[in-house]
Structure formats: C-alpha cells, structure tokens
Amino acid sequence: MKIKKYNRDDEWVFMTMENEDMLACKWLPFLSDNTMIEIELYKEQECVAKYRAFLTKRMDLHEGEFSYELQVSLTKEDTHMDVGGRKTISLTEKQYFRTAKDLTLRKLVKVFYEIINE
C-alpha cells in the first residue's frame, strides 16, 4: 500500500494511504536505541484504533562486517496486546547513526500498516 498524502504539524505526522485510511504518528523521546511512536488509525475521519510502536535499533558483527537493523513491534493501546509479529527492517550505516524522523516515519508507516492489517 502506498502513501497518497503526507502532512505534518508541530507534533504529529499524518499519512493518507491509497484506500483513504489515515495514520497519525507522534514520535516520542524514549531511550538512545529505543523509541516509541504513538499511532492512531482513522477510517472515514473517525479514529478506530490507537497503537504504540516500539522501535529498537540493533547492530551486529557478521564475518567481520557490521549489520544494522531496526526491530518494530506494535501494541494496541486499549488492550496492551501485541499486534502481529515483530518485524525487522535492515538499515544502512547512515540510517542507523543519523535517524531523520520524517524520513524514518515515511518508511515505517508502511510497516505499521502491514502489521495492523495482518
């Protein structure tokens, strides 16, 4: 599913998908290699679900080369239950060390939407 529209204000980033569902995401400060993002799912202008995404950056050494990844897990806010499985996204060294919130959210919203709709 592709992002059709992208808007932002001081706190939230809003992404409208091709099917007109909208995800609102708010990046929260957490710990250095861990981040939490609040997500609200809107269908036809109504908030139908709220989630929290937990992002954990990992770096590992394989055969003398570093690998970088981001682990993503989602929890439904009202039930505190995990949604879908944990997803792992490969990162470049630059993405790992210099995370730009807007660029990262644009990439992650597709993963969030996949997990929510599993």
PDB file of N, CA and C in Angstrom:
ATOM      1  N   MET A   1       0.855  -1.175   0.000  1.00  0.00           N
ATOM      2  CA  MET A   1       0.000   0.000   0.000  1.00  0.00           C
ATOM      3  C   MET A   1       0.900   1.236   0.000  1.00  0.00           C
ATOM      4  N   LYS A   2       0.616   2.154  -0.872  1.00  0.00           N
ATOM      5  CA  LYS A   2       1.423   3.371  -0.993  1.00  0.00           C
ATOM      6  C   LYS A   2       0.809   4.522  -0.199  1.00  0.00           C
ATOM      7  N   ILE A   3       1.663   5.463   0.169  1.00  0.00           N
ATOM      8  CA  ILE A   3       1.205   6.678   0.838  1.00  0.00           C
ATOM      9  C   ILE A   3       0.746   7.649  -0.236  1.00  0.00           C
ATOM     10  N   LYS A   4      -0.495   8.104  -0.106  1.00  0.00           N
ATOM     11  CA  LYS A   4      -1.073   9.025  -1.085  1.00  0.00           C
ATOM     12  C   LYS A   4      -0.778  10.480  -0.723  1.00  0.00           C
ATOM     13  N   LYS A   5      -0.872  10.800   0.569  1.00  0.00           N
ATOM     14  CA  LYS A   5      -0.690  12.171   1.047  1.00  0.00           C
ATOM     15  C   LYS A   5       0.110  12.161   2.341  1.00  0.00           C
ATOM     16  N   TYR A   6       0.904  13.216   2.532  1.00  0.00           N
ATOM     17  CA  TYR A   6       1.749  13.320   3.714  1.00  0.00           C
ATOM     18  C   TYR A   6       1.662  14.748   4.237  1.00  0.00           C
ATOM     19  N   ASN A   7       1.271  14.910   5.495  1.00  0.00           N
ATOM     20  CA  ASN A   7       1.183  16.235   6.127  1.00  0.00           C
ATOM     21  C   ASN A   7       1.773  16.147   7.525  1.00  0.00           C
ATOM     22  N   ARG A   8       2.124  17.304   8.080  1.00  0.00           N
ATOM     23  CA  ARG A   8       2.630  17.306   9.453  1.00  0.00           C
ATOM     24  C   ARG A   8       2.287  18.617  10.132  1.00  0.00           C
ATOM     25  N   ASP A   9       2.228  18.548  11.464  1.00  0.00           N
ATOM     26  CA  ASP A   9       2.123  19.767  12.263  1.00  0.00           C
ATOM     27  C   ASP A   9       3.262  19.723  13.282  1.00  0.00           C
ATOM     28  N   ASP A  10       3.159  20.469  14.364  1.00  0.00           N
ATOM     29  CA  ASP A  10       4.257  20.524  15.334  1.00  0.00           C
ATOM     30  C   ASP A  10       4.531  19.193  16.034  1.00  0.00           C
ATOM     31  N   GLU A  11       3.501  18.377  16.236  1.00  0.00           N
ATOM     32  CA  GLU A  11       3.679  17.131  16.981  1.00  0.00           C
ATOM     33  C   GLU A  11       3.413  15.869  16.169  1.00  0.00           C
ATOM     34  N   TRP A  12       2.488  15.920  15.233  1.00  0.00           N
ATOM     35  CA  TRP A  12       2.022  14.725  14.533  1.00  0.00           C
ATOM     36  C   TRP A  12       2.399  14.747  13.058  1.00  0.00           C
ATOM     37  N   VAL A  13       2.548  13.550  12.504  1.00  0.00           N
ATOM     38  CA  VAL A  13       2.716  13.360  11.066  1.00  0.00           C
ATOM     39  C   VAL A  13       1.503  12.559  10.609  1.00  0.00           C
ATOM     40  N   PHE A  14       0.857  13.014   9.529  1.00  0.00           N
ATOM     41  CA  PHE A  14      -0.364  12.375   9.028  1.00  0.00           C
ATOM     42  C   PHE A  14      -0.100  11.802   7.643  1.00  0.00           C
ATOM     43  N   MET A  15      -0.401  10.509   7.469  1.00  0.00           N
ATOM     44  CA  MET A  15      -0.206   9.869   6.182  1.00  0.00           C
ATOM     45  C   MET A  15      -1.500   9.213   5.736  1.00  0.00           C
ATOM     46  N   THR A  16      -1.965   9.600   4.560  1.00  0.00           N
ATOM     47  CA  THR A  16      -3.174   9.018   3.991  1.00  0.00           C
ATOM     48  C   THR A  16      -2.750   7.951   2.998  1.00  0.00           C
ATOM     49  N   MET A  17      -3.306   6.755   3.170  1.00  0.00           N
ATOM     50  CA  MET A  17      -2.962   5.636   2.298  1.00  0.00           C
ATOM     51  C   MET A  17      -3.834   5.676   1.046  1.00  0.00           C
ATOM     52  N   GLU A  18      -3.522   4.815   0.064  1.00  0.00           N
ATOM     53  CA  GLU A  18      -4.273   4.771  -1.196  1.00  0.00           C
ATOM     54  C   GLU A  18      -5.757   4.497  -0.987  1.00  0.00           C
ATOM     55  N   ASN A  19      -6.093   3.705   0.036  1.00  0.00           N
ATOM     56  CA  ASN A  19      -7.501   3.363   0.280  1.00  0.00           C
ATOM     57  C   ASN A  19      -8.198   4.388   1.183  1.00  0.00           C
ATOM     58  N   GLU A  20      -7.558   5.536   1.416  1.00  0.00           N
ATOM     59  CA  GLU A  20      -8.080   6.654   2.219  1.00  0.00           C
ATOM     60  C   GLU A  20      -7.996   6.433   3.727  1.00  0.00           C
ATOM     61  N   ASP A  21      -7.486   5.283   4.207  1.00  0.00           N
ATOM     62  CA  ASP A  21      -7.195   5.148   5.634  1.00  0.00           C
ATOM     63  C   ASP A  21      -6.087   6.142   5.963  1.00  0.00           C
ATOM     64  N   MET A  22      -6.108   6.687   7.181  1.00  0.00           N
ATOM     65  CA  MET A  22      -5.080   7.638   7.568  1.00  0.00           C
ATOM     66  C   MET A  22      -4.413   7.177   8.856  1.00  0.00           C
ATOM     67  N   LEU A  23      -3.093   7.284   8.895  1.00  0.00           N
ATOM     68  CA  LEU A  23      -2.335   7.014  10.103  1.00  0.00           C
ATOM     69  C   LEU A  23      -1.758   8.328  10.603  1.00  0.00           C
ATOM     70  N   ALA A  24      -1.961   8.600  11.883  1.00  0.00           N
ATOM     71  CA  ALA A  24      -1.355   9.764  12.527  1.00  0.00           C
ATOM     72  C   ALA A  24      -0.278   9.226  13.465  1.00  0.00           C
ATOM     73  N   CYS A  25       0.939   9.740  13.339  1.00  0.00           N
ATOM     74  CA  CYS A  25       2.064   9.232  14.122  1.00  0.00           C
ATOM     75  C   CYS A  25       2.733  10.354  14.900  1.00  0.00           C
ATOM     76  N   LYS A  26       3.037  10.072  16.154  1.00  0.00           N
ATOM     77  CA  LYS A  26       3.730  11.037  17.012  1.00  0.00           C
ATOM     78  C   LYS A  26       4.968  10.351  17.584  1.00  0.00           C
ATOM     79  N   TRP A  27       6.118  10.905  17.273  1.00  0.00           N
ATOM     80  CA  TRP A  27       7.404  10.364  17.703  1.00  0.00           C
ATOM     81  C   TRP A  27       7.666  10.826  19.124  1.00  0.00           C
ATOM     82  N   LEU A  28       7.870   9.896  20.060  1.00  0.00           N
ATOM     83  CA  LEU A  28       8.104  10.251  21.463  1.00  0.00           C
ATOM     84  C   LEU A  28       9.555   9.992  21.852  1.00  0.00           C
ATOM     85  N   PRO A  29      10.151  10.878  22.642  1.00  0.00           N
ATOM     86  CA  PRO A  29      11.513  10.603  23.113  1.00  0.00           C
ATOM     87  C   PRO A  29      11.481   9.416  24.065  1.00  0.00           C
ATOM     88  N   PHE A  30      12.451   8.549  23.976  1.00  0.00           N
ATOM     89  CA  PHE A  30      12.469   7.351  24.800  1.00  0.00           C
ATOM     90  C   PHE A  30      13.896   7.150  25.298  1.00  0.00           C
ATOM     91  N   LEU A  31      14.593   6.181  24.816  1.00  0.00           N
ATOM     92  CA  LEU A  31      15.992   5.954  25.167  1.00  0.00           C
ATOM     93  C   LEU A  31      16.830   6.016  23.894  1.00  0.00           C
ATOM     94  N   SER A  32      18.128   5.982  24.023  1.00  0.00           N
ATOM     95  CA  SER A  32      19.008   6.184  22.868  1.00  0.00           C
ATOM     96  C   SER A  32      18.752   5.211  21.715  1.00  0.00           C
ATOM     97  N   ASP A  33      18.701   3.933  21.961  1.00  0.00           N
ATOM     98  CA  ASP A  33      18.482   2.966  20.885  1.00  0.00           C
ATOM     99  C   ASP A  33      17.050   2.453  20.849  1.00  0.00           C
ATOM    100  N   ASN A  34      16.191   3.017  21.671  1.00  0.00           N
ATOM    101  CA  ASN A  34      14.787   2.624  21.708  1.00  0.00           C
ATOM    102  C   ASN A  34      13.921   3.863  21.531  1.00  0.00           C
ATOM    103  N   THR A  35      12.861   3.714  20.775  1.00  0.00           N
ATOM    104  CA  THR A  35      11.954   4.830  20.524  1.00  0.00           C
ATOM    105  C   THR A  35      10.527   4.313  20.578  1.00  0.00           C
ATOM    106  N   MET A  36       9.608   5.164  20.993  1.00  0.00           N
ATOM    107  CA  MET A  36       8.198   4.808  20.982  1.00  0.00           C
ATOM    108  C   MET A  36       7.464   5.806  20.102  1.00  0.00           C
ATOM    109  N   ILE A  37       6.523   5.300  19.308  1.00  0.00           N
ATOM    110  CA  ILE A  37       5.722   6.134  18.424  1.00  0.00           C
ATOM    111  C   ILE A  37       4.254   5.839  18.701  1.00  0.00           C
ATOM    112  N   GLU A  38       3.470   6.890  18.946  1.00  0.00           N
ATOM    113  CA  GLU A  38       2.021   6.729  19.080  1.00  0.00           C
ATOM    114  C   GLU A  38       1.423   6.740  17.683  1.00  0.00           C
ATOM    115  N   ILE A  39       0.483   5.827  17.440  1.00  0.00           N
ATOM    116  CA  ILE A  39      -0.152   5.719  16.124  1.00  0.00           C
ATOM    117  C   ILE A  39      -1.660   5.699  16.315  1.00  0.00           C
ATOM    118  N   GLU A  40      -2.352   6.492  15.526  1.00  0.00           N
ATOM    119  CA  GLU A  40      -3.815   6.470  15.502  1.00  0.00           C
ATOM    120  C   GLU A  40      -4.247   6.115  14.089  1.00  0.00           C
ATOM    121  N   LEU A  41      -5.179   5.161  13.972  1.00  0.00           N
ATOM    122  CA  LEU A  41      -5.700   4.740  12.673  1.00  0.00           C
ATOM    123  C   LEU A  41      -7.081   5.350  12.482  1.00  0.00           C
ATOM    124  N   TYR A  42      -7.246   6.076  11.378  1.00  0.00           N
ATOM    125  CA  TYR A  42      -8.519   6.721  11.053  1.00  0.00           C
ATOM    126  C   TYR A  42      -9.115   6.086   9.810  1.00  0.00           C
ATOM    127  N   LYS A  43     -10.400   5.799   9.880  1.00  0.00           N
ATOM    128  CA  LYS A  43     -11.172   5.353   8.721  1.00  0.00           C
ATOM    129  C   LYS A  43     -12.352   6.299   8.608  1.00  0.00           C
ATOM    130  N   GLU A  44     -12.487   6.913   7.453  1.00  0.00           N
ATOM    131  CA  GLU A  44     -13.572   7.878   7.205  1.00  0.00           C
ATOM    132  C   GLU A  44     -13.633   8.945   8.296  1.00  0.00           C
ATOM    133  N   GLN A  45     -12.519   9.560   8.604  1.00  0.00           N
ATOM    134  CA  GLN A  45     -12.412  10.678   9.550  1.00  0.00           C
ATOM    135  C   GLN A  45     -12.613  10.292  11.018  1.00  0.00           C
ATOM    136  N   GLU A  46     -12.785   9.011  11.317  1.00  0.00           N
ATOM    137  CA  GLU A  46     -13.011   8.579  12.698  1.00  0.00           C
ATOM    138  C   GLU A  46     -11.845   7.717  13.176  1.00  0.00           C
ATOM    139  N   CYS A  47     -11.350   8.024  14.377  1.00  0.00           N
ATOM    140  CA  CYS A  47     -10.266   7.228  14.953  1.00  0.00           C
ATOM    141  C   CYS A  47     -10.841   5.880  15.390  1.00  0.00           C
ATOM    142  N   VAL A  48     -10.361   4.797  14.765  1.00  0.00           N
ATOM    143  CA  VAL A  48     -10.899   3.471  15.065  1.00  0.00           C
ATOM    144  C   VAL A  48      -9.970   2.638  15.948  1.00  0.00           C
ATOM    145  N   ALA A  49      -8.702   3.032  16.050  1.00  0.00           N
ATOM    146  CA  ALA A  49      -7.774   2.274  16.895  1.00  0.00           C
ATOM    147  C   ALA A  49      -6.540   3.116  17.204  1.00  0.00           C
ATOM    148  N   LYS A  50      -5.953   2.837  18.375  1.00  0.00           N
ATOM    149  CA  LYS A  50      -4.717   3.506  18.782  1.00  0.00           C
ATOM    150  C   LYS A  50      -3.681   2.438  19.115  1.00  0.00           C
ATOM    151  N   TYR A  51      -2.449   2.705  18.705  1.00  0.00           N
ATOM    152  CA  TYR A  51      -1.356   1.758  18.895  1.00  0.00           C
ATOM    153  C   TYR A  51      -0.132   2.486  19.431  1.00  0.00           C
ATOM    154  N   ARG A  52       0.789   1.683  19.948  1.00  0.00           N
ATOM    155  CA  ARG A  52       2.121   2.178  20.281  1.00  0.00           C
ATOM    156  C   ARG A  52       3.112   1.278  19.553  1.00  0.00           C
ATOM    157  N   ALA A  53       4.033   1.906  18.848  1.00  0.00           N
ATOM    158  CA  ALA A  53       5.090   1.157  18.168  1.00  0.00           C
ATOM    159  C   ALA A  53       6.369   1.323  18.973  1.00  0.00           C
ATOM    160  N   PHE A  54       7.059   0.230  19.166  1.00  0.00           N
ATOM    161  CA  PHE A  54       8.336   0.251  19.867  1.00  0.00           C
ATOM    162  C   PHE A  54       9.422  -0.109  18.863  1.00  0.00           C
ATOM    163  N   LEU A  55      10.396   0.771  18.728  1.00  0.00           N
ATOM    164  CA  LEU A  55      11.481   0.589  17.769  1.00  0.00           C
ATOM    165  C   LEU A  55      12.780   0.385  18.531  1.00  0.00           C
ATOM    166  N   THR A  56      13.510  -0.652  18.171  1.00  0.00           N
ATOM    167  CA  THR A  56      14.791  -0.936  18.804  1.00  0.00           C
ATOM    168  C   THR A  56      15.850  -1.083  17.727  1.00  0.00           C
ATOM    169  N   LYS A  57      16.889  -0.244  17.802  1.00  0.00           N
ATOM    170  CA  LYS A  57      17.993  -0.341  16.849  1.00  0.00           C
ATOM    171  C   LYS A  57      18.970  -1.405  17.345  1.00  0.00           C
ATOM    172  N   ARG A  58      19.480  -2.213  16.380  1.00  0.00           N
ATOM    173  CA  ARG A  58      20.467  -3.240  16.719  1.00  0.00           C
ATOM    174  C   ARG A  58      21.618  -3.190  15.730  1.00  0.00           C
ATOM    175  N   MET A  59      22.797  -3.435  16.241  1.00  0.00           N
ATOM    176  CA  MET A  59      23.984  -3.522  15.401  1.00  0.00           C
ATOM    177  C   MET A  59      24.661  -4.838  15.748  1.00  0.00           C
ATOM    178  N   ASP A  60      25.106  -5.573  14.732  1.00  0.00           N
ATOM    179  CA  ASP A  60      25.737  -6.860  14.969  1.00  0.00           C
ATOM    180  C   ASP A  60      26.936  -7.001  14.039  1.00  0.00           C
ATOM    181  N   LEU A  61      27.832  -7.894  14.364  1.00  0.00           N
ATOM    182  CA  LEU A  61      29.018  -8.144  13.558  1.00  0.00           C
ATOM    183  C   LEU A  61      28.928  -9.557  12.996  1.00  0.00           C
ATOM    184  N   HIS A  62      28.895  -9.687  11.660  1.00  0.00           N
ATOM    185  CA  HIS A  62      28.835 -10.984  10.978  1.00  0.00           C
ATOM    186  C   HIS A  62      30.022 -11.091  10.036  1.00  0.00           C
ATOM    187  N   GLU A  63      30.876 -12.067  10.264  1.00  0.00           N
ATOM    188  CA  GLU A  63      32.030 -12.316   9.395  1.00  0.00           C
ATOM    189  C   GLU A  63      32.827 -11.040   9.124  1.00  0.00           C
ATOM    190  N   GLY A  64      33.074 -10.259  10.157  1.00  0.00           N
ATOM    191  CA  GLY A  64      33.876  -9.052  10.039  1.00  0.00           C
ATOM    192  C   GLY A  64      33.157  -7.834   9.490  1.00  0.00           C
ATOM    193  N   GLU A  65      31.864  -7.945   9.188  1.00  0.00           N
ATOM    194  CA  GLU A  65      31.093  -6.815   8.653  1.00  0.00           C
ATOM    195  C   GLU A  65      29.943  -6.495   9.603  1.00  0.00           C
ATOM    196  N   PHE A  66      29.702  -5.196   9.779  1.00  0.00           N
ATOM    197  CA  PHE A  66      28.601  -4.769  10.634  1.00  0.00           C
ATOM    198  C   PHE A  66      27.284  -4.860   9.875  1.00  0.00           C
ATOM    199  N   SER A  67      26.243  -5.271  10.580  1.00  0.00           N
ATOM    200  CA  SER A  67      24.885  -5.220  10.025  1.00  0.00           C
ATOM    201  C   SER A  67      24.052  -4.367  10.971  1.00  0.00           C
ATOM    202  N   TYR A  68      23.128  -3.620  10.401  1.00  0.00           N
ATOM    203  CA  TYR A  68      22.301  -2.689  11.168  1.00  0.00           C
ATOM    204  C   TYR A  68      20.843  -3.007  10.897  1.00  0.00           C
ATOM    205  N   GLU A  69      20.026  -2.991  11.947  1.00  0.00           N
ATOM    206  CA  GLU A  69      18.610  -3.277  11.753  1.00  0.00           C
ATOM    207  C   GLU A  69      17.766  -2.536  12.778  1.00  0.00           C
ATOM    208  N   LEU A  70      16.489  -2.479  12.461  1.00  0.00           N
ATOM    209  CA  LEU A  70      15.505  -1.853  13.334  1.00  0.00           C
ATOM    210  C   LEU A  70      14.408  -2.874  13.580  1.00  0.00           C
ATOM    211  N   GLN A  71      14.159  -3.206  14.846  1.00  0.00           N
ATOM    212  CA  GLN A  71      13.080  -4.125  15.192  1.00  0.00           C
ATOM    213  C   GLN A  71      11.850  -3.309  15.549  1.00  0.00           C
ATOM    214  N   VAL A  72      10.702  -3.708  14.988  1.00  0.00           N
ATOM    215  CA  VAL A  72       9.449  -2.983  15.171  1.00  0.00           C
ATOM    216  C   VAL A  72       8.428  -3.914  15.806  1.00  0.00           C
ATOM    217  N   SER A  73       7.802  -3.474  16.894  1.00  0.00           N
ATOM    218  CA  SER A  73       6.683  -4.224  17.468  1.00  0.00           C
ATOM    219  C   SER A  73       5.569  -3.236  17.783  1.00  0.00           C
ATOM    220  N   LEU A  74       4.331  -3.691  17.618  1.00  0.00           N
ATOM    221  CA  LEU A  74       3.160  -2.839  17.850  1.00  0.00           C
ATOM    222  C   LEU A  74       2.315  -3.403  18.976  1.00  0.00           C
ATOM    223  N   THR A  75       1.768  -2.513  19.798  1.00  0.00           N
ATOM    224  CA  THR A  75       0.866  -2.881  20.883  1.00  0.00           C
ATOM    225  C   THR A  75      -0.395  -2.045  20.748  1.00  0.00           C
ATOM    226  N   LYS A  76      -1.551  -2.693  20.875  1.00  0.00           N
ATOM    227  CA  LYS A  76      -2.811  -1.955  20.847  1.00  0.00           C
ATOM    228  C   LYS A  76      -2.952  -1.239  22.184  1.00  0.00           C
ATOM    229  N   GLU A  77      -3.259   0.058  22.136  1.00  0.00           N
ATOM    230  CA  GLU A  77      -3.231   0.885  23.347  1.00  0.00           C
ATOM    231  C   GLU A  77      -4.272   0.474  24.384  1.00  0.00           C
ATOM    232  N   ASP A  78      -5.496   0.162  23.956  1.00  0.00           N
ATOM    233  CA  ASP A  78      -6.553  -0.124  24.938  1.00  0.00           C
ATOM    234  C   ASP A  78      -6.423  -1.497  25.589  1.00  0.00           C
ATOM    235  N   THR A  79      -5.878  -2.489  24.878  1.00  0.00           N
ATOM    236  CA  THR A  79      -5.771  -3.841  25.430  1.00  0.00           C
ATOM    237  C   THR A  79      -4.356  -4.206  25.863  1.00  0.00           C
ATOM    238  N   HIS A  80      -3.377  -3.407  25.470  1.00  0.00           N
ATOM    239  CA  HIS A  80      -1.961  -3.669  25.750  1.00  0.00           C
ATOM    240  C   HIS A  80      -1.504  -5.005  25.174  1.00  0.00           C
ATOM    241  N   MET A  81      -2.187  -5.466  24.131  1.00  0.00           N
ATOM    242  CA  MET A  81      -1.842  -6.727  23.469  1.00  0.00           C
ATOM    243  C   MET A  81      -0.974  -6.444  22.253  1.00  0.00           C
ATOM    244  N   ASP A  82      -0.005  -7.336  22.014  1.00  0.00           N
ATOM    245  CA  ASP A  82       0.826  -7.212  20.821  1.00  0.00           C
ATOM    246  C   ASP A  82      -0.014  -7.447  19.580  1.00  0.00           C
ATOM    247  N   VAL A  83       0.310  -6.702  18.529  1.00  0.00           N
ATOM    248  CA  VAL A  83      -0.395  -6.818  17.256  1.00  0.00           C
ATOM    249  C   VAL A  83       0.595  -7.362  16.245  1.00  0.00           C
ATOM    250  N   GLY A  84       0.238  -8.465  15.580  1.00  0.00           N
ATOM    251  CA  GLY A  84       1.143  -9.032  14.582  1.00  0.00           C
ATOM    252  C   GLY A  84       2.435  -9.496  15.215  1.00  0.00           C
ATOM    253  N   GLY A  85       3.364  -9.866  14.379  1.00  0.00           N
ATOM    254  CA  GLY A  85       4.666 -10.298  14.869  1.00  0.00           C
ATOM    255  C   GLY A  85       5.656  -9.161  14.853  1.00  0.00           C
ATOM    256  N   ARG A  86       6.793  -9.416  15.418  1.00  0.00           N
ATOM    257  CA  ARG A  86       7.874  -8.419  15.413  1.00  0.00           C
ATOM    258  C   ARG A  86       8.490  -8.404  14.018  1.00  0.00           C
ATOM    259  N   LYS A  87       8.652  -7.230  13.458  1.00  0.00           N
ATOM    260  CA  LYS A  87       9.244  -7.065  12.129  1.00  0.00           C
ATOM    261  C   LYS A  87      10.654  -6.519  12.281  1.00  0.00           C
ATOM    262  N   THR A  88      11.532  -6.929  11.380  1.00  0.00           N
ATOM    263  CA  THR A  88      12.896  -6.430  11.366  1.00  0.00           C
ATOM    264  C   THR A  88      13.163  -5.774  10.024  1.00  0.00           C
ATOM    265  N   ILE A  89      13.701  -4.566  10.068  1.00  0.00           N
ATOM    266  CA  ILE A  89      13.999  -3.799   8.865  1.00  0.00           C
ATOM    267  C   ILE A  89      15.502  -3.565   8.815  1.00  0.00           C
ATOM    268  N   SER A  90      16.124  -3.880   7.680  1.00  0.00           N
ATOM    269  CA  SER A  90      17.555  -3.618   7.511  1.00  0.00           C
ATOM    270  C   SER A  90      17.791  -2.123   7.346  1.00  0.00           C
ATOM    271  N   LEU A  91      18.865  -1.641   7.945  1.00  0.00           N
ATOM    272  CA  LEU A  91      19.239  -0.234   7.847  1.00  0.00           C
ATOM    273  C   LEU A  91      20.644  -0.115   7.261  1.00  0.00           C
ATOM    274  N   THR A  92      20.902   1.019   6.633  1.00  0.00           N
ATOM    275  CA  THR A  92      22.270   1.326   6.234  1.00  0.00           C
ATOM    276  C   THR A  92      22.981   1.918   7.444  1.00  0.00           C
ATOM    277  N   GLU A  93      24.289   2.027   7.358  1.00  0.00           N
ATOM    278  CA  GLU A  93      25.045   2.625   8.464  1.00  0.00           C
ATOM    279  C   GLU A  93      24.588   4.063   8.712  1.00  0.00           C
ATOM    280  N   LYS A  94      24.342   4.807   7.636  1.00  0.00           N
ATOM    281  CA  LYS A  94      23.900   6.200   7.763  1.00  0.00           C
ATOM    282  C   LYS A  94      22.530   6.274   8.443  1.00  0.00           C
ATOM    283  N   GLN A  95      21.594   5.397   8.049  1.00  0.00           N
ATOM    284  CA  GLN A  95      20.266   5.389   8.671  1.00  0.00           C
ATOM    285  C   GLN A  95      20.364   5.029  10.152  1.00  0.00           C
ATOM    286  N   TYR A  96      21.277   4.136  10.484  1.00  0.00           N
ATOM    287  CA  TYR A  96      21.427   3.704  11.868  1.00  0.00           C
ATOM    288  C   TYR A  96      21.937   4.839  12.760  1.00  0.00           C
ATOM    289  N   PHE A  97      22.938   5.559  12.297  1.00  0.00           N
ATOM    290  CA  PHE A  97      23.570   6.579  13.129  1.00  0.00           C
ATOM    291  C   PHE A  97      22.941   7.959  13.013  1.00  0.00           C
ATOM    292  N   ARG A  98      22.265   8.247  11.910  1.00  0.00           N
ATOM    293  CA  ARG A  98      21.671   9.580  11.710  1.00  0.00           C
ATOM    294  C   ARG A  98      20.210   9.434  11.337  1.00  0.00           C
ATOM    295  N   THR A  99      19.409   9.147  12.300  1.00  0.00           N
ATOM    296  CA  THR A  99      17.988   8.933  12.059  1.00  0.00           C
ATOM    297  C   THR A  99      17.270  10.266  11.887  1.00  0.00           C
ATOM    298  N   ALA A 100      16.655  10.452  10.729  1.00  0.00           N
ATOM    299  CA  ALA A 100      15.822  11.634  10.477  1.00  0.00           C
ATOM    300  C   ALA A 100      14.373  11.216  10.675  1.00  0.00           C
ATOM    301  N   LYS A 101      13.689  11.838  11.602  1.00  0.00           N
ATOM    302  CA  LYS A 101      12.342  11.405  11.974  1.00  0.00           C
ATOM    303  C   LYS A 101      11.390  11.336  10.788  1.00  0.00           C
ATOM    304  N   ASP A 102      11.318  12.387   9.989  1.00  0.00           N
ATOM    305  CA  ASP A 102      10.367  12.407   8.874  1.00  0.00           C
ATOM    306  C   ASP A 102      10.629  11.287   7.883  1.00  0.00           C
ATOM    307  N   LEU A 103      11.878  11.121   7.481  1.00  0.00           N
ATOM    308  CA  LEU A 103      12.203  10.073   6.518  1.00  0.00           C
ATOM    309  C   LEU A 103      11.932   8.698   7.107  1.00  0.00           C
ATOM    310  N   THR A 104      12.287   8.524   8.371  1.00  0.00           N
ATOM    311  CA  THR A 104      12.063   7.236   9.021  1.00  0.00           C
ATOM    312  C   THR A 104      10.576   6.936   9.128  1.00  0.00           C
ATOM    313  N   LEU A 105       9.765   7.918   9.530  1.00  0.00           N
ATOM    314  CA  LEU A 105       8.325   7.687   9.651  1.00  0.00           C
ATOM    315  C   LEU A 105       7.694   7.345   8.308  1.00  0.00           C
ATOM    316  N   ARG A 106       8.130   7.993   7.249  1.00  0.00           N
ATOM    317  CA  ARG A 106       7.583   7.683   5.924  1.00  0.00           C
ATOM    318  C   ARG A 106       7.841   6.228   5.562  1.00  0.00           C
ATOM    319  N   LYS A 107       9.021   5.729   5.896  1.00  0.00           N
ATOM    320  CA  LYS A 107       9.351   4.335   5.599  1.00  0.00           C
ATOM    321  C   LYS A 107       8.613   3.388   6.541  1.00  0.00           C
ATOM    322  N   LEU A 108       8.524   3.770   7.807  1.00  0.00           N
ATOM    323  CA  LEU A 108       7.929   2.881   8.806  1.00  0.00           C
ATOM    324  C   LEU A 108       6.416   2.768   8.701  1.00  0.00           C
ATOM    325  N   VAL A 109       5.750   3.801   8.204  1.00  0.00           N
ATOM    326  CA  VAL A 109       4.290   3.773   8.181  1.00  0.00           C
ATOM    327  C   VAL A 109       3.778   2.593   7.352  1.00  0.00           C
ATOM    328  N   LYS A 110       4.479   2.222   6.318  1.00  0.00           N
ATOM    329  CA  LYS A 110       4.078   1.056   5.521  1.00  0.00           C
ATOM    330  C   LYS A 110       4.179  -0.217   6.355  1.00  0.00           C
ATOM    331  N   VAL A 111       5.226  -0.316   7.166  1.00  0.00           N
ATOM    332  CA  VAL A 111       5.390  -1.476   8.048  1.00  0.00           C
ATOM    333  C   VAL A 111       4.286  -1.484   9.102  1.00  0.00           C
ATOM    334  N   PHE A 112       3.999  -0.324   9.717  1.00  0.00           N
ATOM    335  CA  PHE A 112       2.921  -0.247  10.704  1.00  0.00           C
ATOM    336  C   PHE A 112       1.609  -0.718  10.087  1.00  0.00           C
ATOM    337  N   TYR A 113       1.317  -0.210   8.895  1.00  0.00           N
ATOM    338  CA  TYR A 113       0.047  -0.525   8.235  1.00  0.00           C
ATOM    339  C   TYR A 113      -0.040  -2.018   7.910  1.00  0.00           C
ATOM    340  N   GLU A 114       1.071  -2.617   7.486  1.00  0.00           N
ATOM    341  CA  GLU A 114       1.107  -4.065   7.226  1.00  0.00           C
ATOM    342  C   GLU A 114       0.797  -4.844   8.498  1.00  0.00           C
ATOM    343  N   ILE A 115       1.454  -4.474   9.599  1.00  0.00           N
ATOM    344  CA  ILE A 115       1.256  -5.184  10.868  1.00  0.00           C
ATOM    345  C   ILE A 115      -0.193  -5.053  11.331  1.00  0.00           C
ATOM    346  N   ILE A 116      -0.749  -3.857  11.263  1.00  0.00           N
ATOM    347  CA  ILE A 116      -2.126  -3.624  11.703  1.00  0.00           C
ATOM    348  C   ILE A 116      -3.108  -4.462  10.893  1.00  0.00           C
ATOM    349  N   ASN A 117      -2.845  -4.631   9.607  1.00  0.00           N
ATOM    350  CA  ASN A 117      -3.780  -5.335   8.726  1.00  0.00           C
ATOM    351  C   ASN A 117      -3.467  -6.809   8.524  1.00  0.00           C
ATOM    352  N   GLU A 118      -2.572  -7.396   9.333  1.00  0.00           N
ATOM    353  CA  GLU A 118      -2.276  -8.834   9.221  1.00  0.00           C
ATOM    354  C   GLU A 118      -3.447  -9.664   9.669  1.00  0.00           C
TER     355      GLU A 118
END
